[in-house]
Protein backbone atom coordinates (compact mmCIF):
# COMPACT_ATOMS: atom_id res chain seq x y z
CA ASP A 1 7.01 35.64 10.03
CA ASP A 2 6.21 32.80 7.62
CA THR A 3 9.86 32.18 6.73
CA ARG A 4 10.82 31.41 10.31
CA THR A 5 7.65 29.37 10.87
CA VAL A 6 8.08 27.09 7.84
CA VAL A 7 11.69 26.41 8.79
CA GLN A 8 10.65 25.58 12.37
CA VAL A 9 7.90 23.22 11.23
CA ALA A 10 10.09 21.56 8.58
CA THR A 11 13.04 21.00 10.93
CA GLY A 12 10.77 19.83 13.75
CA MET A 13 9.08 17.34 11.45
CA ALA A 14 12.35 16.10 9.94
CA GLY A 15 13.93 15.66 13.37
CA ALA A 16 10.93 13.78 14.73
CA LEU A 17 10.82 11.62 11.62
CA ALA A 18 14.49 10.63 11.87
CA SER A 19 14.59 10.10 15.65
CA PHE A 20 13.66 6.81 17.24
CA THR A 21 13.81 5.26 20.70
CA PRO A 22 12.53 1.66 20.96
CA HIS A 23 10.82 2.18 24.32
CA SER A 24 9.08 5.41 23.37
CA ALA A 25 8.57 5.18 19.60
CA ASP A 26 5.11 6.74 19.88
CA THR A 27 6.57 10.01 21.16
CA SER A 28 8.39 10.80 17.90
CA ILE A 29 5.58 9.65 15.65
CA ASP A 30 2.96 11.58 17.62
CA ARG A 31 5.10 14.72 17.48
CA ALA A 32 5.61 14.29 13.73
CA THR A 33 1.97 13.43 13.01
CA ALA A 34 0.83 16.64 14.72
CA MET A 35 2.70 18.60 12.02
CA ILE A 36 1.21 16.74 9.03
CA VAL A 37 -1.86 17.59 6.99
CA PRO A 38 -4.62 15.39 8.48
CA GLU A 39 -5.33 13.52 5.24
CA HIS A 40 -1.76 12.10 5.21
CA ALA A 41 -1.36 11.38 8.92
CA ALA A 42 -2.64 7.78 8.92
CA SER A 43 -0.53 6.63 5.96
CA PHE A 44 2.51 8.43 7.38
CA LYS A 45 2.06 6.71 10.74
CA GLU A 46 1.72 3.32 9.02
CA GLU A 47 4.96 3.85 7.03
CA TYR A 48 6.80 5.04 10.14
CA ASN A 49 5.67 1.99 12.11
CA LYS A 50 6.86 -0.34 9.32
CA SER A 51 10.28 1.27 9.09
CA SER A 52 10.75 1.51 12.85
CA ALA A 53 9.79 -2.13 13.56
CA GLU A 54 13.20 -3.42 12.50
CA LEU A 55 14.99 -0.75 14.52
CA ALA A 56 12.98 -1.72 17.59
CA GLN A 57 13.69 -5.41 17.03
CA HIS A 58 17.45 -4.70 17.16
CA ASN A 59 17.11 -2.13 19.97
CA VAL A 60 18.50 0.65 17.76
CA THR A 61 18.19 4.25 18.87
CA ALA A 62 18.39 7.14 16.39
CA GLN A 63 18.86 10.76 17.39
CA ALA A 64 18.52 13.52 14.79
CA ALA A 65 19.71 17.10 14.92
CA THR A 66 19.37 19.79 12.26
CA LEU A 67 22.65 20.72 10.57
CA SER A 68 21.08 23.28 8.25
CA ALA A 69 17.79 24.32 6.71
CA GLY A 70 16.84 26.76 4.01
CA VAL A 71 13.69 27.94 2.32
CA GLU A 72 13.64 26.94 -1.35
CA ALA A 73 10.25 28.49 -2.10
CA LEU A 74 7.66 30.44 -0.13
CA GLY A 75 4.27 31.58 -1.33
CA PRO A 76 1.12 32.68 0.49
CA SER A 77 -0.12 29.08 0.95
CA ALA A 78 2.78 26.77 0.03
CA ALA A 79 6.44 26.42 0.93
CA VAL A 80 9.38 24.13 0.33
CA VAL A 81 12.23 23.81 2.84
CA ALA A 82 15.45 21.81 2.42
CA VAL A 83 16.66 20.26 5.67
CA VAL A 84 20.00 18.53 6.32
CA LEU A 85 20.11 16.40 9.44
CA ARG A 86 22.82 14.68 11.44
CA VAL A 87 21.45 11.31 12.53
CA THR A 88 23.36 9.18 15.02
CA GLN A 89 22.26 5.56 15.36
CA THR A 90 23.34 3.41 18.27
CA ALA A 91 22.83 -0.29 18.78
CA PRO A 92 23.95 -2.50 21.66
CA GLY A 93 27.55 -3.69 21.23
CA GLN A 94 28.24 -1.54 18.13
CA GLN A 95 29.96 1.75 17.45
CA PRO A 96 27.55 4.62 16.76
CA SER A 97 26.99 5.34 13.07
CA ARG A 98 26.35 8.80 11.65
CA VAL A 99 24.64 9.88 8.46
CA ALA A 100 23.60 13.28 7.12
CA PRO A 101 20.41 12.83 5.10
CA ALA A 102 18.98 15.75 3.15
CA LEU A 103 15.20 16.10 2.96
CA ARG A 104 12.85 18.32 0.97
CA VAL A 105 9.82 19.23 3.08
CA THR A 106 6.76 20.60 1.30
CA LEU A 107 4.34 22.58 3.46
CA THR A 108 0.87 23.97 2.96
CA LYS A 109 -0.88 26.68 4.93
CA ARG A 110 -4.20 25.74 6.51
CA GLY A 111 -5.80 28.75 8.14
CA SER A 112 -2.92 30.29 10.07
CA ASP A 113 -1.00 27.00 10.48
CA TRP A 114 1.76 25.62 8.28
CA LEU A 115 1.52 21.82 7.97
CA VAL A 116 3.72 19.26 6.24
CA ALA A 117 2.26 17.85 3.04
CA GLU A 118 5.26 15.76 1.92
CA VAL A 119 8.77 14.76 2.94
CA LEU A 120 11.12 13.39 0.29
CA PRO A 121 14.83 12.60 0.30
CA ILE A 122 17.04 14.88 -1.79
CA ARG A 123 19.21 12.72 -4.01
């Protein structure tokens, strides 16, 4: 069922994108990169490494969980899924902070696989 699959891929990608552990940063990025169309993987990884460098420097950990997700559009070879996350960030000596970012995940079907083509914040 494509509906279930696109939601699973979109939420998996969004969760991996928003999660970060300083000592195992590659785990999240590798998991996320596996869900991206190959032509965007390198630039995505570069952006992730830039944004996570400051978190690592301050020993910040971020853990994301999906609050909700819904299919906005679904065609035979393209889909758009809105994902709302709960992200908890913790840093040594500070109270945890929580945010609930909303993301629009655009997917494309390659063969039988749904892959992420773009992730943008919903404003």
